[in-house]
Amino acid sequence: MTLSNLRTTGALLATTLFATVSPTSAQAPIAPSRVPHWEQLGPMPGAGPEIIRLADTAADPDRIYAVSRAGILASFDRGSSWELRSRHSVAYGGWAFLSASPTDPDLLLRAGLLGKLERSVDGGLTWMRPTLPPDGPQHRAPKFASSGTVYISSLLGIWRSLDGGDTFEEVLGDLQGGYCTYLGVDATDPLHLYAPVGGVGIFETVDGG
């Protein structure tokens, strides 16, 4: 075999191997079936960019509430437009926890690191203290488990309401020196929830506390 024939045979072999191992179709980038897309919503009156938390409600999928430095805002068109419903008292300072009822879009609970728990029945326009509020400082993480069952934590324990946040009873009074800032509630069972207690561990209840 001449050198020329050897080069020709080698080129043909390399071409055959490349076509077998790396077909043209495998080299083409695979287009994702769904490209993520985000767009900025707003404008938010009196709030600027400082939005702290959001809360939605299954009772009205178009409605979104927002906690801002200015106060409580609401959108009734999935965030395309917003209105300032009420301003914070000095005690809240914009750092409020907010939760909306899954069955009544106008029923809200607001808790702050410095402020006490407050309740609104008109979509955040006005706020009032519950008839029988939970005791203790720094209420956090109000959580609707169902239409009427609400849980909330504080530095002193965990409390439960069976009437949409108007009256509360203590269900866990000893956090063993820890603190609870979030409650995880089973979406299918309002009596089943988890309470991560900082510095101690995770508590679980299957009977509503």
Protein backbone atom coordinates (compact mmCIF):
# COMPACT_ATOMS: atom_id res chain seq x y z
CA MET A 1 0.00 0.00 0.00
CA THR A 2 1.36 3.35 -1.00
CA LEU A 3 1.55 6.35 1.33
CA SER A 4 -1.18 8.05 -0.68
CA ASN A 5 -3.51 5.05 -0.33
CA LEU A 6 -2.78 4.85 3.40
CA ARG A 7 -3.72 8.49 3.90
CA THR A 8 -6.93 8.03 1.90
CA THR A 9 -7.90 4.91 3.90
CA GLY A 10 -7.19 6.68 7.21
CA ALA A 11 -9.31 9.69 6.24
CA LEU A 12 -12.23 7.48 5.25
CA LEU A 13 -11.98 5.53 8.52
CA ALA A 14 -11.93 8.71 10.62
CA THR A 15 -14.94 10.06 8.74
CA THR A 16 -16.87 6.82 9.33
CA LEU A 17 -16.07 6.74 13.06
CA PHE A 18 -17.02 10.42 13.53
CA ALA A 19 -20.34 9.91 11.75
CA THR A 20 -21.09 6.85 13.91
CA VAL A 21 -20.12 8.24 17.31
CA SER A 22 -21.09 11.90 16.86
CA PRO A 23 -23.98 12.26 14.44
CA THR A 24 -24.96 15.73 13.36
CA SER A 25 -28.21 15.54 15.36
CA ALA A 26 -26.32 14.94 18.60
CA GLN A 27 -24.23 18.07 18.12
CA ALA A 28 -27.20 20.42 17.80
CA PRO A 29 -28.25 22.14 21.05
CA ILE A 30 -31.48 20.86 22.51
CA ALA A 31 -34.04 23.64 22.77
CA PRO A 32 -35.80 23.68 26.18
CA SER A 33 -39.49 22.93 26.03
CA ARG A 34 -40.24 25.92 28.28
CA VAL A 35 -38.10 29.02 28.62
CA PRO A 36 -38.41 30.78 32.03
CA HIS A 37 -39.74 34.31 31.73
CA TRP A 38 -40.00 37.00 34.40
CA GLU A 39 -41.35 40.51 34.26
CA GLN A 40 -41.46 43.25 36.87
CA LEU A 41 -44.88 44.00 38.32
CA GLY A 42 -46.11 47.25 39.69
CA PRO A 43 -45.96 50.12 40.22
CA MET A 44 -46.41 49.88 43.99
CA PRO A 45 -47.54 53.18 45.53
CA GLY A 46 -45.59 54.36 48.54
CA ALA A 47 -43.55 51.19 48.62
CA GLY A 48 -40.61 51.63 46.31
CA PRO A 49 -38.55 48.48 45.89
CA GLU A 50 -38.72 47.44 49.55
CA ILE A 51 -41.27 44.64 49.49
CA ILE A 52 -40.78 42.38 52.48
CA ARG A 53 -43.34 39.59 52.07
CA LEU A 54 -46.25 38.44 49.90
CA ALA A 55 -49.46 36.63 50.80
CA ASP A 56 -52.04 35.10 48.50
CA THR A 57 -55.41 33.46 49.03
CA ALA A 58 -57.06 30.51 47.32
CA ALA A 59 -60.40 32.29 47.70
CA ASP A 60 -59.37 34.86 45.08
CA PRO A 61 -56.50 33.75 42.79
CA ASP A 62 -56.24 37.24 41.27
CA ARG A 63 -55.55 38.88 44.62
CA ILE A 64 -52.09 39.33 46.15
CA TYR A 65 -51.13 41.16 49.32
CA ALA A 66 -47.70 42.67 49.91
CA VAL A 67 -45.94 43.88 53.04
CA SER A 68 -43.79 46.91 52.33
CA ARG A 69 -41.98 49.50 54.37
CA ALA A 70 -44.94 51.81 53.81
CA GLY A 71 -47.70 49.40 54.80
CA ILE A 72 -50.00 46.74 53.37
CA LEU A 73 -50.60 46.80 49.62
CA ALA A 74 -53.02 44.77 47.56
CA SER A 75 -53.36 43.81 43.92
CA PHE A 76 -56.63 42.55 42.46
CA ASP A 77 -55.25 41.71 39.02
CA ARG A 78 -52.33 39.37 39.77
CA GLY A 79 -49.86 42.15 40.36
CA SER A 80 -50.44 44.36 37.34
CA SER A 81 -51.61 47.23 39.55
CA TRP A 82 -51.39 47.88 43.30
CA GLU A 83 -52.99 50.08 45.92
CA LEU A 84 -51.83 51.02 49.40
CA ARG A 85 -54.52 49.67 51.73
CA SER A 86 -53.14 50.89 55.07
CA ARG A 87 -49.95 52.20 56.59
CA HIS A 88 -48.02 50.44 59.33
CA SER A 89 -48.09 51.67 62.87
CA VAL A 90 -44.69 52.71 64.21
CA ALA A 91 -44.35 49.40 66.06
CA TYR A 92 -44.29 47.33 62.88
CA GLY A 93 -41.71 49.30 60.96
CA GLY A 94 -42.47 47.35 57.79
CA TRP A 95 -41.24 44.01 59.10
CA ALA A 96 -44.62 42.34 59.45
CA PHE A 97 -45.58 38.74 58.88
CA LEU A 98 -48.81 38.45 56.90
CA SER A 99 -51.25 35.63 56.20
CA ALA A 100 -54.57 35.56 54.31
CA SER A 101 -57.47 33.19 54.84
CA PRO A 102 -57.87 30.51 52.15
CA THR A 103 -61.66 30.95 52.13
CA ASP A 104 -62.17 34.67 52.89
CA PRO A 105 -59.87 36.94 50.84
CA ASP A 106 -60.63 39.92 53.11
CA LEU A 107 -59.52 38.17 56.32
CA LEU A 108 -55.87 38.91 57.15
CA LEU A 109 -53.59 38.46 60.13
CA ARG A 110 -50.54 40.66 60.67
CA ALA A 111 -47.81 40.06 63.23
CA GLY A 112 -44.59 41.99 63.74
CA LEU A 113 -41.30 41.66 65.53
CA LEU A 114 -42.22 44.64 67.70
CA GLY A 115 -45.96 44.97 67.12
CA LYS A 116 -48.69 42.73 68.48
CA LEU A 117 -50.96 40.51 66.41
CA GLU A 118 -53.66 42.38 64.49
CA ARG A 119 -56.59 41.24 62.40
CA SER A 120 -58.32 42.75 59.36
CA VAL A 121 -61.70 41.72 57.97
CA ASP A 122 -61.78 44.26 55.11
CA GLY A 123 -58.72 43.35 53.07
CA GLY A 124 -56.22 45.36 55.08
CA LEU A 125 -58.04 48.71 55.18
CA THR A 126 -58.46 48.66 58.97
CA TRP A 127 -56.85 46.57 61.72
CA MET A 128 -57.89 45.57 65.23
CA ARG A 129 -56.64 43.42 68.05
CA PRO A 130 -58.27 39.97 68.39
CA THR A 131 -60.86 39.58 71.14
CA LEU A 132 -58.58 37.10 72.90
CA PRO A 133 -55.07 37.55 71.46
CA PRO A 134 -52.10 35.30 72.13
CA ASP A 135 -49.76 36.38 74.90
CA GLY A 136 -46.05 37.01 74.56
CA PRO A 137 -43.74 39.31 72.62
CA GLN A 138 -42.68 39.13 69.00
CA HIS A 139 -45.51 37.20 67.39
CA ARG A 140 -44.47 35.55 64.15
CA ALA A 141 -45.66 33.36 61.32
CA PRO A 142 -49.48 33.47 61.47
CA LYS A 143 -50.60 30.47 59.46
CA PHE A 144 -54.10 29.60 58.25
CA ALA A 145 -54.52 25.82 58.30
CA SER A 146 -58.14 25.89 57.11
CA SER A 147 -61.07 28.29 56.93
CA GLY A 148 -61.14 28.90 60.67
CA THR A 149 -58.04 27.30 62.15
CA VAL A 150 -55.03 29.56 62.57
CA TYR A 151 -51.70 28.97 64.30
CA ILE A 152 -49.17 31.54 65.42
CA SER A 153 -45.87 31.37 67.25
CA SER A 154 -44.21 33.76 69.68
CA LEU A 155 -41.19 33.72 71.95
CA LEU A 156 -43.33 32.09 74.63
CA GLY A 157 -45.04 29.33 72.67
CA ILE A 158 -47.48 28.38 69.93
CA TRP A 159 -51.13 29.41 69.88
CA ARG A 160 -54.20 28.23 67.99
CA SER A 161 -57.44 29.90 66.92
CA LEU A 162 -60.56 28.05 65.77
CA ASP A 163 -62.50 31.15 64.72
CA GLY A 164 -60.30 32.78 62.10
CA GLY A 165 -57.96 34.57 64.49
CA ASP A 166 -60.42 36.27 66.84
CA THR A 167 -59.69 34.17 69.95
CA PHE A 168 -56.57 32.12 70.69
CA GLU A 169 -55.57 29.33 73.06
CA GLU A 170 -52.08 28.15 73.89
CA VAL A 171 -51.20 24.70 72.54
CA LEU A 172 -47.44 24.62 73.20
CA GLY A 173 -46.22 26.69 76.12
CA ASP A 174 -42.67 25.47 76.60
CA LEU A 175 -40.17 25.97 73.78
CA GLN A 176 -37.34 24.85 76.08
CA GLY A 177 -35.47 28.09 75.63
CA GLY A 178 -35.73 28.03 71.83
CA TYR A 179 -37.73 30.13 69.39
CA CYS A 180 -40.09 29.34 66.52
CA THR A 181 -40.36 31.67 63.53
CA TYR A 182 -42.15 29.39 61.07
CA LEU A 183 -44.90 26.78 61.19
CA GLY A 184 -45.42 24.08 58.58
CA VAL A 185 -49.04 22.97 58.24
CA ASP A 186 -50.22 19.89 56.37
CA ALA A 187 -52.36 21.10 53.45
CA THR A 188 -54.69 18.10 53.83
CA ASP A 189 -54.96 18.02 57.64
CA PRO A 190 -55.25 21.21 59.75
CA LEU A 191 -54.41 19.20 62.89
CA HIS A 192 -51.01 18.10 61.56
CA LEU A 193 -48.19 20.60 61.70
CA TYR A 194 -44.48 20.98 62.33
CA ALA A 195 -42.75 23.59 64.48
CA PRO A 196 -38.99 24.01 64.02
CA VAL A 197 -37.72 25.42 67.30
CA GLY A 198 -34.32 27.06 66.97
CA GLY A 199 -31.69 25.61 69.27
CA VAL A 200 -33.91 22.68 70.27
CA GLY A 201 -35.27 20.69 67.31
CA ILE A 202 -38.47 20.03 65.38
CA PHE A 203 -41.80 19.48 67.11
CA GLU A 204 -44.72 17.67 65.44
CA THR A 205 -48.38 17.40 66.37
CA VAL A 206 -51.16 15.37 64.77
CA ASP A 207 -53.96 16.62 67.01
CA GLY A 208 -53.73 20.36 66.56
CA GLY A 209 -51.31 20.84 69.39
